[in-house]
Amino acid sequence: MDLLLGTQMIAKGLDFPNVTLVGAVDADTSLYLPDFRAAERTFQLLAQVAGRAGRGPKGGRVLVQTRHPAHHALVWAAKHDTEGFLREERALRESPPYPPATALVNLLVSGTADQAVGRRA
């Protein structure tokens, strides 16, 4: 196989031992989704993508396209440093706070009368 092209799904669970080059296009897109786990998910994806390259005897390279190369998720991913990423991410989540500094609850109140639902919520 000379070229393997795919989406995020290609990063998970596939083993191609002769892959020597992996590219992540717009790797920072998910960093700016309204989700406090966005940096964590981006870091995990880049770690998985990087794991696809260099499994064979030739070694490998990973190219990452980003508009925000200084973002901590990208910096720690480039260093292959999970512990460094976790330390910084945990510190960033202390205030507002987000997990693991606190717990979140998703509460859904529903009904047929808008005013009654509003009072109960």
PDB file of N, CA and C in Angstrom:
ATOM      1  N   MET A   1       0.842  -1.162   0.000  1.00  0.00           N
ATOM      2  CA  MET A   1       0.000   0.000   0.000  1.00  0.00           C
ATOM      3  C   MET A   1       0.896   1.237   0.000  1.00  0.00           C
ATOM      4  N   ASP A   2       0.675   2.134  -0.942  1.00  0.00           N
ATOM      5  CA  ASP A   2       1.485   3.339  -1.056  1.00  0.00           C
ATOM      6  C   ASP A   2       0.880   4.531  -0.328  1.00  0.00           C
ATOM      7  N   LEU A   3      -0.445   4.585  -0.237  1.00  0.00           N
ATOM      8  CA  LEU A   3      -1.101   5.725   0.386  1.00  0.00           C
ATOM      9  C   LEU A   3      -2.312   5.238   1.159  1.00  0.00           C
ATOM     10  N   LEU A   4      -2.417   5.698   2.379  1.00  0.00           N
ATOM     11  CA  LEU A   4      -3.557   5.387   3.227  1.00  0.00           C
ATOM     12  C   LEU A   4      -4.164   6.715   3.646  1.00  0.00           C
ATOM     13  N   LEU A   5      -5.420   6.928   3.321  1.00  0.00           N
ATOM     14  CA  LEU A   5      -6.089   8.192   3.590  1.00  0.00           C
ATOM     15  C   LEU A   5      -7.330   7.903   4.407  1.00  0.00           C
ATOM     16  N   GLY A   6      -7.550   8.689   5.458  1.00  0.00           N
ATOM     17  CA  GLY A   6      -8.722   8.428   6.273  1.00  0.00           C
ATOM     18  C   GLY A   6      -9.040   9.555   7.226  1.00  0.00           C
ATOM     19  N   THR A   7     -10.061   9.337   8.033  1.00  0.00           N
ATOM     20  CA  THR A   7     -10.492  10.300   9.040  1.00  0.00           C
ATOM     21  C   THR A   7      -9.921   9.880  10.390  1.00  0.00           C
ATOM     22  N   GLN A   8     -10.479  10.427  11.457  1.00  0.00           N
ATOM     23  CA  GLN A   8     -10.026  10.069  12.800  1.00  0.00           C
ATOM     24  C   GLN A   8     -10.116   8.573  13.058  1.00  0.00           C
ATOM     25  N   MET A   9     -11.034   7.914  12.412  1.00  0.00           N
ATOM     26  CA  MET A   9     -11.233   6.480  12.640  1.00  0.00           C
ATOM     27  C   MET A   9      -9.997   5.661  12.291  1.00  0.00           C
ATOM     28  N   ILE A  10      -9.176   6.161  11.407  1.00  0.00           N
ATOM     29  CA  ILE A  10      -7.992   5.418  10.990  1.00  0.00           C
ATOM     30  C   ILE A  10      -6.951   5.338  12.108  1.00  0.00           C
ATOM     31  N   ALA A  11      -7.080   6.221  13.090  1.00  0.00           N
ATOM     32  CA  ALA A  11      -6.114   6.261  14.187  1.00  0.00           C
ATOM     33  C   ALA A  11      -6.344   5.149  15.197  1.00  0.00           C
ATOM     34  N   LYS A  12      -7.504   4.534  15.161  1.00  0.00           N
ATOM     35  CA  LYS A  12      -7.862   3.588  16.211  1.00  0.00           C
ATOM     36  C   LYS A  12      -7.951   2.160  15.697  1.00  0.00           C
ATOM     37  N   GLY A  13      -7.182   1.304  16.303  1.00  0.00           N
ATOM     38  CA  GLY A  13      -7.353  -0.120  16.117  1.00  0.00           C
ATOM     39  C   GLY A  13      -6.838  -0.733  14.830  1.00  0.00           C
ATOM     40  N   LEU A  14      -6.234   0.025  13.968  1.00  0.00           N
ATOM     41  CA  LEU A  14      -5.709  -0.537  12.731  1.00  0.00           C
ATOM     42  C   LEU A  14      -4.201  -0.680  12.840  1.00  0.00           C
ATOM     43  N   ASP A  15      -3.678  -1.751  12.295  1.00  0.00           N
ATOM     44  CA  ASP A  15      -2.236  -1.978  12.351  1.00  0.00           C
ATOM     45  C   ASP A  15      -1.698  -2.108  10.932  1.00  0.00           C
ATOM     46  N   PHE A  16      -0.935  -1.121  10.535  1.00  0.00           N
ATOM     47  CA  PHE A  16      -0.269  -1.128   9.239  1.00  0.00           C
ATOM     48  C   PHE A  16       1.222  -1.014   9.515  1.00  0.00           C
ATOM     49  N   PRO A  17       1.941  -2.119   9.570  1.00  0.00           N
ATOM     50  CA  PRO A  17       3.333  -2.109  10.022  1.00  0.00           C
ATOM     51  C   PRO A  17       4.299  -1.362   9.114  1.00  0.00           C
ATOM     52  N   ASN A  18       3.952  -1.101   7.876  1.00  0.00           N
ATOM     53  CA  ASN A  18       4.889  -0.450   6.956  1.00  0.00           C
ATOM     54  C   ASN A  18       4.646   1.047   6.787  1.00  0.00           C
ATOM     55  N   VAL A  19       3.777   1.628   7.592  1.00  0.00           N
ATOM     56  CA  VAL A  19       3.511   3.064   7.504  1.00  0.00           C
ATOM     57  C   VAL A  19       4.718   3.820   8.055  1.00  0.00           C
ATOM     58  N   THR A  20       5.257   4.732   7.260  1.00  0.00           N
ATOM     59  CA  THR A  20       6.417   5.513   7.695  1.00  0.00           C
ATOM     60  C   THR A  20       6.114   7.004   7.819  1.00  0.00           C
ATOM     61  N   LEU A  21       4.974   7.438   7.315  1.00  0.00           N
ATOM     62  CA  LEU A  21       4.618   8.851   7.385  1.00  0.00           C
ATOM     63  C   LEU A  21       3.127   8.981   7.661  1.00  0.00           C
ATOM     64  N   VAL A  22       2.802   9.765   8.676  1.00  0.00           N
ATOM     65  CA  VAL A  22       1.412  10.037   9.018  1.00  0.00           C
ATOM     66  C   VAL A  22       1.242  11.547   9.069  1.00  0.00           C
ATOM     67  N   GLY A  23       0.171  12.044   8.486  1.00  0.00           N
ATOM     68  CA  GLY A  23      -0.130  13.472   8.532  1.00  0.00           C
ATOM     69  C   GLY A  23      -1.448  13.718   9.241  1.00  0.00           C
ATOM     70  N   ALA A  24      -1.487  14.758  10.040  1.00  0.00           N
ATOM     71  CA  ALA A  24      -2.715  15.182  10.710  1.00  0.00           C
ATOM     72  C   ALA A  24      -3.046  16.582  10.201  1.00  0.00           C
ATOM     73  N   VAL A  25      -4.057  16.670   9.360  1.00  0.00           N
ATOM     74  CA  VAL A  25      -4.453  17.937   8.746  1.00  0.00           C
ATOM     75  C   VAL A  25      -5.443  18.648   9.671  1.00  0.00           C
ATOM     76  N   ASP A  26      -5.233  19.947   9.873  1.00  0.00           N
ATOM     77  CA  ASP A  26      -6.086  20.735  10.778  1.00  0.00           C
ATOM     78  C   ASP A  26      -6.227  20.049  12.136  1.00  0.00           C
ATOM     79  N   ALA A  27      -5.115  19.671  12.700  1.00  0.00           N
ATOM     80  CA  ALA A  27      -5.105  18.916  13.953  1.00  0.00           C
ATOM     81  C   ALA A  27      -5.682  19.695  15.120  1.00  0.00           C
ATOM     82  N   ASP A  28      -5.778  20.994  14.991  1.00  0.00           N
ATOM     83  CA  ASP A  28      -6.269  21.819  16.093  1.00  0.00           C
ATOM     84  C   ASP A  28      -7.762  22.132  16.009  1.00  0.00           C
ATOM     85  N   THR A  29      -8.444  21.629  15.006  1.00  0.00           N
ATOM     86  CA  THR A  29      -9.852  21.955  14.812  1.00  0.00           C
ATOM     87  C   THR A  29     -10.684  21.622  16.046  1.00  0.00           C
ATOM     88  N   SER A  30     -10.478  20.462  16.626  1.00  0.00           N
ATOM     89  CA  SER A  30     -11.294  20.043  17.766  1.00  0.00           C
ATOM     90  C   SER A  30     -10.933  20.764  19.061  1.00  0.00           C
ATOM     91  N   LEU A  31      -9.821  21.483  19.083  1.00  0.00           N
ATOM     92  CA  LEU A  31      -9.427  22.201  20.299  1.00  0.00           C
ATOM     93  C   LEU A  31     -10.415  23.297  20.676  1.00  0.00           C
ATOM     94  N   TYR A  32     -11.154  23.784  19.723  1.00  0.00           N
ATOM     95  CA  TYR A  32     -12.006  24.932  19.979  1.00  0.00           C
ATOM     96  C   TYR A  32     -13.489  24.584  19.953  1.00  0.00           C
ATOM     97  N   LEU A  33     -13.790  23.312  20.183  1.00  0.00           N
ATOM     98  CA  LEU A  33     -15.173  22.899  20.369  1.00  0.00           C
ATOM     99  C   LEU A  33     -15.586  23.264  21.793  1.00  0.00           C
ATOM    100  N   PRO A  34     -16.859  23.511  22.034  1.00  0.00           N
ATOM    101  CA  PRO A  34     -17.297  23.878  23.386  1.00  0.00           C
ATOM    102  C   PRO A  34     -17.358  22.654  24.308  1.00  0.00           C
ATOM    103  N   ASP A  35     -16.208  22.122  24.642  1.00  0.00           N
ATOM    104  CA  ASP A  35     -16.099  20.928  25.481  1.00  0.00           C
ATOM    105  C   ASP A  35     -14.824  21.054  26.304  1.00  0.00           C
ATOM    106  N   PHE A  36     -14.937  20.963  27.621  1.00  0.00           N
ATOM    107  CA  PHE A  36     -13.749  21.119  28.454  1.00  0.00           C
ATOM    108  C   PHE A  36     -12.730  20.006  28.224  1.00  0.00           C
ATOM    109  N   ARG A  37     -13.138  18.933  27.564  1.00  0.00           N
ATOM    110  CA  ARG A  37     -12.221  17.824  27.269  1.00  0.00           C
ATOM    111  C   ARG A  37     -11.569  17.937  25.895  1.00  0.00           C
ATOM    112  N   ALA A  38     -11.746  19.047  25.207  1.00  0.00           N
ATOM    113  CA  ALA A  38     -11.254  19.197  23.835  1.00  0.00           C
ATOM    114  C   ALA A  38      -9.745  18.994  23.742  1.00  0.00           C
ATOM    115  N   ALA A  39      -8.980  19.578  24.645  1.00  0.00           N
ATOM    116  CA  ALA A  39      -7.521  19.418  24.605  1.00  0.00           C
ATOM    117  C   ALA A  39      -7.134  17.971  24.870  1.00  0.00           C
ATOM    118  N   GLU A  40      -7.803  17.341  25.818  1.00  0.00           N
ATOM    119  CA  GLU A  40      -7.532  15.937  26.137  1.00  0.00           C
ATOM    120  C   GLU A  40      -7.801  15.043  24.930  1.00  0.00           C
ATOM    121  N   ARG A  41      -8.914  15.268  24.280  1.00  0.00           N
ATOM    122  CA  ARG A  41      -9.261  14.447  23.113  1.00  0.00           C
ATOM    123  C   ARG A  41      -8.303  14.683  21.951  1.00  0.00           C
ATOM    124  N   THR A  42      -7.875  15.915  21.771  1.00  0.00           N
ATOM    125  CA  THR A  42      -6.902  16.220  20.717  1.00  0.00           C
ATOM    126  C   THR A  42      -5.574  15.542  21.014  1.00  0.00           C
ATOM    127  N   PHE A  43      -5.114  15.630  22.255  1.00  0.00           N
ATOM    128  CA  PHE A  43      -3.867  14.972  22.646  1.00  0.00           C
ATOM    129  C   PHE A  43      -3.958  13.466  22.398  1.00  0.00           C
ATOM    130  N   GLN A  44      -5.050  12.850  22.825  1.00  0.00           N
ATOM    131  CA  GLN A  44      -5.230  11.407  22.638  1.00  0.00           C
ATOM    132  C   GLN A  44      -5.215  11.025  21.163  1.00  0.00           C
ATOM    133  N   LEU A  45      -5.905  11.803  20.345  1.00  0.00           N
ATOM    134  CA  LEU A  45      -5.947  11.508  18.913  1.00  0.00           C
ATOM    135  C   LEU A  45      -4.560  11.605  18.293  1.00  0.00           C
ATOM    136  N   LEU A  46      -3.819  12.649  18.630  1.00  0.00           N
ATOM    137  CA  LEU A  46      -2.469  12.798  18.074  1.00  0.00           C
ATOM    138  C   LEU A  46      -1.545  11.681  18.552  1.00  0.00           C
ATOM    139  N   ALA A  47      -1.684  11.263  19.792  1.00  0.00           N
ATOM    140  CA  ALA A  47      -0.878  10.144  20.292  1.00  0.00           C
ATOM    141  C   ALA A  47      -1.206   8.867  19.525  1.00  0.00           C
ATOM    142  N   GLN A  48      -2.477   8.641  19.253  1.00  0.00           N
ATOM    143  CA  GLN A  48      -2.876   7.458  18.495  1.00  0.00           C
ATOM    144  C   GLN A  48      -2.396   7.529  17.057  1.00  0.00           C
ATOM    145  N   VAL A  49      -2.525   8.694  16.448  1.00  0.00           N
ATOM    146  CA  VAL A  49      -2.064   8.872  15.065  1.00  0.00           C
ATOM    147  C   VAL A  49      -0.561   8.637  14.982  1.00  0.00           C
ATOM    148  N   ALA A  50       0.177   9.198  15.929  1.00  0.00           N
ATOM    149  CA  ALA A  50       1.635   9.025  15.930  1.00  0.00           C
ATOM    150  C   ALA A  50       2.007   7.560  16.089  1.00  0.00           C
ATOM    151  N   GLY A  51       1.184   6.814  16.801  1.00  0.00           N
ATOM    152  CA  GLY A  51       1.445   5.392  16.990  1.00  0.00           C
ATOM    153  C   GLY A  51       1.296   4.562  15.728  1.00  0.00           C
ATOM    154  N   ARG A  52       0.694   5.131  14.696  1.00  0.00           N
ATOM    155  CA  ARG A  52       0.537   4.407  13.424  1.00  0.00           C
ATOM    156  C   ARG A  52       1.835   4.401  12.627  1.00  0.00           C
ATOM    157  N   ALA A  53       2.697   5.383  12.854  1.00  0.00           N
ATOM    158  CA  ALA A  53       3.931   5.514  12.058  1.00  0.00           C
ATOM    159  C   ALA A  53       5.101   4.873  12.786  1.00  0.00           C
ATOM    160  N   GLY A  54       5.974   4.278  12.031  1.00  0.00           N
ATOM    161  CA  GLY A  54       7.231   3.797  12.580  1.00  0.00           C
ATOM    162  C   GLY A  54       7.177   2.465  13.277  1.00  0.00           C
ATOM    163  N   ARG A  55       6.181   1.661  13.006  1.00  0.00           N
ATOM    164  CA  ARG A  55       6.103   0.347  13.640  1.00  0.00           C
ATOM    165  C   ARG A  55       7.037  -0.660  12.984  1.00  0.00           C
ATOM    166  N   GLY A  56       7.383  -0.389  11.749  1.00  0.00           N
ATOM    167  CA  GLY A  56       8.267  -1.301  11.026  1.00  0.00           C
ATOM    168  C   GLY A  56       9.727  -0.936  11.227  1.00  0.00           C
ATOM    169  N   PRO A  57      10.609  -1.614  10.529  1.00  0.00           N
ATOM    170  CA  PRO A  57      12.050  -1.387  10.705  1.00  0.00           C
ATOM    171  C   PRO A  57      12.541  -0.040  10.172  1.00  0.00           C
ATOM    172  N   LYS A  58      11.754   0.639   9.338  1.00  0.00           N
ATOM    173  CA  LYS A  58      12.193   1.898   8.736  1.00  0.00           C
ATOM    174  C   LYS A  58      11.998   3.109   9.647  1.00  0.00           C
ATOM    175  N   GLY A  59      11.263   2.980  10.744  1.00  0.00           N
ATOM    176  CA  GLY A  59      10.953   4.143  11.569  1.00  0.00           C
ATOM    177  C   GLY A  59       9.833   4.941  10.941  1.00  0.00           C
ATOM    178  N   GLY A  60       9.560   6.117  11.467  1.00  0.00           N
ATOM    179  CA  GLY A  60       8.468   6.895  10.915  1.00  0.00           C
ATOM    180  C   GLY A  60       8.513   8.347  11.322  1.00  0.00           C
ATOM    181  N   ARG A  61       7.653   9.124  10.652  1.00  0.00           N
ATOM    182  CA  ARG A  61       7.524  10.561  10.924  1.00  0.00           C
ATOM    183  C   ARG A  61       6.052  10.914  11.005  1.00  0.00           C
ATOM    184  N   VAL A  62       5.776  11.960  11.764  1.00  0.00           N
ATOM    185  CA  VAL A  62       4.417  12.476  11.874  1.00  0.00           C
ATOM    186  C   VAL A  62       4.453  13.960  11.540  1.00  0.00           C
ATOM    187  N   LEU A  63       3.619  14.385  10.611  1.00  0.00           N
ATOM    188  CA  LEU A  63       3.495  15.797  10.256  1.00  0.00           C
ATOM    189  C   LEU A  63       2.145  16.294  10.751  1.00  0.00           C
ATOM    190  N   VAL A  64       2.162  17.417  11.459  1.00  0.00           N
ATOM    191  CA  VAL A  64       0.938  17.975  12.028  1.00  0.00           C
ATOM    192  C   VAL A  64       0.730  19.378  11.479  1.00  0.00           C
ATOM    193  N   GLN A  65      -0.425  19.601  10.863  1.00  0.00           N
ATOM    194  CA  GLN A  65      -0.783  20.937  10.387  1.00  0.00           C
ATOM    195  C   GLN A  65      -1.643  21.596  11.462  1.00  0.00           C
ATOM    196  N   THR A  66      -1.242  22.794  11.891  1.00  0.00           N
ATOM    197  CA  THR A  66      -1.980  23.509  12.922  1.00  0.00           C
ATOM    198  C   THR A  66      -1.802  25.010  12.766  1.00  0.00           C
ATOM    199  N   ARG A  67      -2.806  25.740  13.208  1.00  0.00           N
ATOM    200  CA  ARG A  67      -2.694  27.197  13.263  1.00  0.00           C
ATOM    201  C   ARG A  67      -2.298  27.653  14.667  1.00  0.00           C
ATOM    202  N   HIS A  68      -2.197  26.700  15.594  1.00  0.00           N
ATOM    203  CA  HIS A  68      -1.908  27.027  16.995  1.00  0.00           C
ATOM    204  C   HIS A  68      -0.825  26.096  17.551  1.00  0.00           C
ATOM    205  N   PRO A  69       0.385  26.188  17.022  1.00  0.00           N
ATOM    206  CA  PRO A  69       1.437  25.250  17.427  1.00  0.00           C
ATOM    207  C   PRO A  69       1.859  25.378  18.886  1.00  0.00           C
ATOM    208  N   ALA A  70       1.520  26.478  19.541  1.00  0.00           N
ATOM    209  CA  ALA A  70       1.913  26.654  20.939  1.00  0.00           C
ATOM    210  C   ALA A  70       0.877  26.104  21.924  1.00  0.00           C
ATOM    211  N   HIS A  71      -0.239  25.584  21.423  1.00  0.00           N
ATOM    212  CA  HIS A  71      -1.251  25.035  22.331  1.00  0.00           C
ATOM    213  C   HIS A  71      -0.653  23.855  23.088  1.00  0.00           C
ATOM    214  N   HIS A  72      -0.915  23.794  24.387  1.00  0.00           N
ATOM    215  CA  HIS A  72      -0.262  22.780  25.221  1.00  0.00           C
ATOM    216  C   HIS A  72      -0.550  21.344  24.773  1.00  0.00           C
ATOM    217  N   ALA A  73      -1.723  21.067  24.243  1.00  0.00           N
ATOM    218  CA  ALA A  73      -2.025  19.705  23.785  1.00  0.00           C
ATOM    219  C   ALA A  73      -1.107  19.306  22.635  1.00  0.00           C
ATOM    220  N   LEU A  74      -0.839  20.235  21.744  1.00  0.00           N
ATOM    221  CA  LEU A  74       0.028  19.950  20.601  1.00  0.00           C
ATOM    222  C   LEU A  74       1.494  19.881  21.019  1.00  0.00           C
ATOM    223  N   VAL A  75       1.889  20.761  21.929  1.00  0.00           N
ATOM    224  CA  VAL A  75       3.284  20.767  22.396  1.00  0.00           C
ATOM    225  C   VAL A  75       3.618  19.454  23.096  1.00  0.00           C
ATOM    226  N   TRP A  76       2.763  19.029  24.033  1.00  0.00           N
ATOM    227  CA  TRP A  76       3.039  17.784  24.759  1.00  0.00           C
ATOM    228  C   TRP A  76       2.920  16.565  23.843  1.00  0.00           C
ATOM    229  N   ALA A  77       2.004  16.592  22.886  1.00  0.00           N
ATOM    230  CA  ALA A  77       1.893  15.478  21.938  1.00  0.00           C
ATOM    231  C   ALA A  77       3.158  15.364  21.103  1.00  0.00           C
ATOM    232  N   ALA A  78       3.706  16.496  20.678  1.00  0.00           N
ATOM    233  CA  ALA A  78       4.945  16.477  19.887  1.00  0.00           C
ATOM    234  C   ALA A  78       6.111  15.910  20.694  1.00  0.00           C
ATOM    235  N   LYS A  79       6.063  16.096  22.006  1.00  0.00           N
ATOM    236  CA  LYS A  79       7.123  15.575  22.883  1.00  0.00           C
ATOM    237  C   LYS A  79       6.855  14.136  23.328  1.00  0.00           C
ATOM    238  N   HIS A  80       5.702  13.587  22.953  1.00  0.00           N
ATOM    239  CA  HIS A  80       5.291  12.246  23.402  1.00  0.00           C
ATOM    240  C   HIS A  80       5.295  12.179  24.925  1.00  0.00           C
ATOM    241  N   ASP A  81       4.812  13.232  25.574  1.00  0.00           N
ATOM    242  CA  ASP A  81       4.886  13.344  27.027  1.00  0.00           C
ATOM    243  C   ASP A  81       3.479  13.399  27.630  1.00  0.00           C
ATOM    244  N   THR A  82       2.934  12.235  27.905  1.00  0.00           N
ATOM    245  CA  THR A  82       1.596  12.159  28.479  1.00  0.00           C
ATOM    246  C   THR A  82       1.556  12.766  29.871  1.00  0.00           C
ATOM    247  N   GLU A  83       2.556  12.475  30.692  1.00  0.00           N
ATOM    248  CA  GLU A  83       2.584  13.002  32.061  1.00  0.00           C
ATOM    249  C   GLU A  83       2.627  14.529  32.066  1.00  0.00           C
ATOM    250  N   GLY A  84       3.433  15.115  31.190  1.00  0.00           N
ATOM    251  CA  GLY A  84       3.494  16.569  31.095  1.00  0.00           C
ATOM    252  C   GLY A  84       2.153  17.158  30.708  1.00  0.00           C
ATOM    253  N   PHE A  85       1.502  16.532  29.727  1.00  0.00           N
ATOM    254  CA  PHE A  85       0.185  17.002  29.318  1.00  0.00           C
ATOM    255  C   PHE A  85      -0.801  16.921  30.474  1.00  0.00           C
ATOM    256  N   LEU A  86      -0.815  15.782  31.184  1.00  0.00           N
ATOM    257  CA  LEU A  86      -1.766  15.606  32.280  1.00  0.00           C
ATOM    258  C   LEU A  86      -1.547  16.622  33.399  1.00  0.00           C
ATOM    259  N   ARG A  87      -0.298  16.910  33.723  1.00  0.00           N
ATOM    260  CA  ARG A  87      -0.008  17.919  34.755  1.00  0.00           C
ATOM    261  C   ARG A  87      -0.578  19.282  34.359  1.00  0.00           C
ATOM    262  N   GLU A  88      -0.299  19.697  33.133  1.00  0.00           N
ATOM    263  CA  GLU A  88      -0.765  21.018  32.696  1.00  0.00           C
ATOM    264  C   GLU A  88      -2.282  21.058  32.563  1.00  0.00           C
ATOM    265  N   GLU A  89      -2.859  20.023  32.015  1.00  0.00           N
ATOM    266  CA  GLU A  89      -4.313  19.982  31.825  1.00  0.00           C
ATOM    267  C   GLU A  89      -5.029  19.992  33.176  1.00  0.00           C
ATOM    268  N   ARG A  90      -4.516  19.236  34.118  1.00  0.00           N
ATOM    269  CA  ARG A  90      -5.127  19.208  35.456  1.00  0.00           C
ATOM    270  C   ARG A  90      -5.085  20.602  36.089  1.00  0.00           C
ATOM    271  N   ALA A  91      -3.964  21.289  35.962  1.00  0.00           N
ATOM    272  CA  ALA A  91      -3.841  22.647  36.512  1.00  0.00           C
ATOM    273  C   ALA A  91      -4.842  23.597  35.851  1.00  0.00           C
ATOM    274  N   LEU A  92      -5.038  23.458  34.551  1.00  0.00           N
ATOM    275  CA  LEU A  92      -5.986  24.321  33.842  1.00  0.00           C
ATOM    276  C   LEU A  92      -7.433  24.047  34.248  1.00  0.00           C
ATOM    277  N   ARG A  93      -7.705  22.837  34.677  1.00  0.00           N
ATOM    278  CA  ARG A  93      -9.071  22.465  35.054  1.00  0.00           C
ATOM    279  C   ARG A  93      -9.400  22.783  36.514  1.00  0.00           C
ATOM    280  N   GLU A  94      -8.425  23.180  37.294  1.00  0.00           N
ATOM    281  CA  GLU A  94      -8.683  23.514  38.699  1.00  0.00           C
ATOM    282  C   GLU A  94      -9.680  24.657  38.824  1.00  0.00           C
ATOM    283  N   SER A  95      -9.560  25.642  37.994  1.00  0.00           N
ATOM    284  CA  SER A  95     -10.500  26.752  38.008  1.00  0.00           C
ATOM    285  C   SER A  95     -10.939  26.951  36.563  1.00  0.00           C
ATOM    286  N   PRO A  96     -12.155  26.584  36.276  1.00  0.00           N
ATOM    287  CA  PRO A  96     -13.452  27.046  36.743  1.00  0.00           C
ATOM    288  C   PRO A  96     -14.125  26.301  37.893  1.00  0.00           C
ATOM    289  N   PRO A  97     -14.161  25.173  38.293  1.00  0.00           N
ATOM    290  CA  PRO A  97     -13.405  23.940  38.076  1.00  0.00           C
ATOM    291  C   PRO A  97     -14.118  22.943  37.149  1.00  0.00           C
ATOM    292  N   TYR A  98     -13.309  22.109  36.536  1.00  0.00           N
ATOM    293  CA  TYR A  98     -13.798  21.007  35.709  1.00  0.00           C
ATOM    294  C   TYR A  98     -13.183  19.709  36.220  1.00  0.00           C
ATOM    295  N   PRO A  99     -13.806  18.563  35.894  1.00  0.00           N
ATOM    296  CA  PRO A  99     -13.198  17.291  36.303  1.00  0.00           C
ATOM    297  C   PRO A  99     -11.765  17.184  35.804  1.00  0.00           C
ATOM    298  N   PRO A 100     -10.890  16.610  36.564  1.00  0.00           N
ATOM    299  CA  PRO A 100     -11.120  15.838  37.783  1.00  0.00           C
ATOM    300  C   PRO A 100     -11.149  16.672  39.055  1.00  0.00           C
ATOM    301  N   ALA A 101     -11.097  17.990  38.971  1.00  0.00           N
ATOM    302  CA  ALA A 101     -11.123  18.830  40.166  1.00  0.00           C
ATOM    303  C   ALA A 101     -12.505  18.840  40.824  1.00  0.00           C
ATOM    304  N   THR A 102     -13.519  18.437  40.102  1.00  0.00           N
ATOM    305  CA  THR A 102     -14.882  18.394  40.623  1.00  0.00           C
ATOM    306  C   THR A 102     -15.661  17.355  39.825  1.00  0.00           C
ATOM    307  N   ALA A 103     -16.894  17.156  40.200  1.00  0.00           N
ATOM    308  CA  ALA A 103     -17.768  16.241  39.460  1.00  0.00           C
ATOM    309  C   ALA A 103     -18.834  17.063  38.739  1.00  0.00           C
ATOM    310  N   LEU A 104     -19.265  16.582  37.602  1.00  0.00           N
ATOM    311  CA  LEU A 104     -20.339  17.228  36.855  1.00  0.00           C
ATOM    312  C   LEU A 104     -21.566  16.332  36.873  1.00  0.00           C
ATOM    313  N   VAL A 105     -22.725  16.954  36.860  1.00  0.00           N
ATOM    314  CA  VAL A 105     -23.982  16.226  36.812  1.00  0.00           C
ATOM    315  C   VAL A 105     -24.787  16.774  35.642  1.00  0.00           C
ATOM    316  N   ASN A 106     -25.367  15.891  34.874  1.00  0.00           N
ATOM    317  CA  ASN A 106     -26.251  16.282  33.784  1.00  0.00           C
ATOM    318  C   ASN A 106     -27.674  15.980  34.237  1.00  0.00           C
ATOM    319  N   LEU A 107     -28.449  17.005  34.484  1.00  0.00           N
ATOM    320  CA  LEU A 107     -29.801  16.858  34.992  1.00  0.00           C
ATOM    321  C   LEU A 107     -30.780  17.269  33.900  1.00  0.00           C
ATOM    322  N   LEU A 108     -31.707  16.389  33.591  1.00  0.00           N
ATOM    323  CA  LEU A 108     -32.702  16.654  32.555  1.00  0.00           C
ATOM    324  C   LEU A 108     -34.077  16.704  33.209  1.00  0.00           C
ATOM    325  N   VAL A 109     -34.753  17.816  33.064  1.00  0.00           N
ATOM    326  CA  VAL A 109     -36.112  17.975  33.572  1.00  0.00           C
ATOM    327  C   VAL A 109     -37.015  18.132  32.358  1.00  0.00           C
ATOM    328  N   SER A 110     -38.045  17.306  32.286  1.00  0.00           N
ATOM    329  CA  SER A 110     -38.938  17.387  31.127  1.00  0.00           C
ATOM    330  C   SER A 110     -40.390  17.334  31.580  1.00  0.00           C
ATOM    331  N   GLY A 111     -41.261  17.750  30.722  1.00  0.00           N
ATOM    332  CA  GLY A 111     -42.684  17.736  31.004  1.00  0.00           C
ATOM    333  C   GLY A 111     -43.437  18.387  29.867  1.00  0.00           C
ATOM    334  N   THR A 112     -44.742  18.472  30.026  1.00  0.00           N
ATOM    335  CA  THR A 112     -45.562  19.041  28.956  1.00  0.00           C
ATOM    336  C   THR A 112     -45.893  20.508  29.196  1.00  0.00           C
ATOM    337  N   ALA A 113     -45.800  20.970  30.437  1.00  0.00           N
ATOM    338  CA  ALA A 113     -46.109  22.369  30.759  1.00  0.00           C
ATOM    339  C   ALA A 113     -44.810  23.132  30.990  1.00  0.00           C
ATOM    340  N   ASP A 114     -44.506  24.071  30.101  1.00  0.00           N
ATOM    341  CA  ASP A 114     -43.246  24.814  30.171  1.00  0.00           C
ATOM    342  C   ASP A 114     -43.026  25.489  31.520  1.00  0.00           C
ATOM    343  N   GLN A 115     -44.052  26.125  32.063  1.00  0.00           N
ATOM    344  CA  GLN A 115     -43.885  26.840  33.332  1.00  0.00           C
ATOM    345  C   GLN A 115     -43.591  25.877  34.479  1.00  0.00           C
ATOM    346  N   ALA A 116     -44.275  24.754  34.518  1.00  0.00           N
ATOM    347  CA  ALA A 116     -44.043  23.771  35.584  1.00  0.00           C
ATOM    348  C   ALA A 116     -42.639  23.192  35.482  1.00  0.00           C
ATOM    349  N   VAL A 117     -42.201  22.925  34.278  1.00  0.00           N
ATOM    350  CA  VAL A 117     -40.844  22.407  34.076  1.00  0.00           C
ATOM    351  C   VAL A 117     -39.824  23.444  34.522  1.00  0.00           C
ATOM    352  N   GLY A 118     -40.058  24.709  34.182  1.00  0.00           N
ATOM    353  CA  GLY A 118     -39.157  25.784  34.588  1.00  0.00           C
ATOM    354  C   GLY A 118     -39.054  25.901  36.095  1.00  0.00           C
ATOM    355  N   ARG A 119     -40.163  25.773  36.810  1.00  0.00           N
ATOM    356  CA  ARG A 119     -40.144  25.847  38.276  1.00  0.00           C
ATOM    357  C   ARG A 119     -39.370  24.677  38.872  1.00  0.00           C
ATOM    358  N   ARG A 120     -39.559  23.492  38.337  1.00  0.00           N
ATOM    359  CA  ARG A 120     -38.883  22.310  38.880  1.00  0.00           C
ATOM    360  C   ARG A 120     -37.385  22.317  38.572  1.00  0.00           C
ATOM    361  N   ALA A 121     -37.030  22.920  37.460  1.00  0.00           N
ATOM    362  CA  ALA A 121     -35.618  22.960  37.085  1.00  0.00           C
ATOM    363  C   ALA A 121     -34.878  23.897  38.011  1.00  0.00           C
TER     364      ALA A 121
END
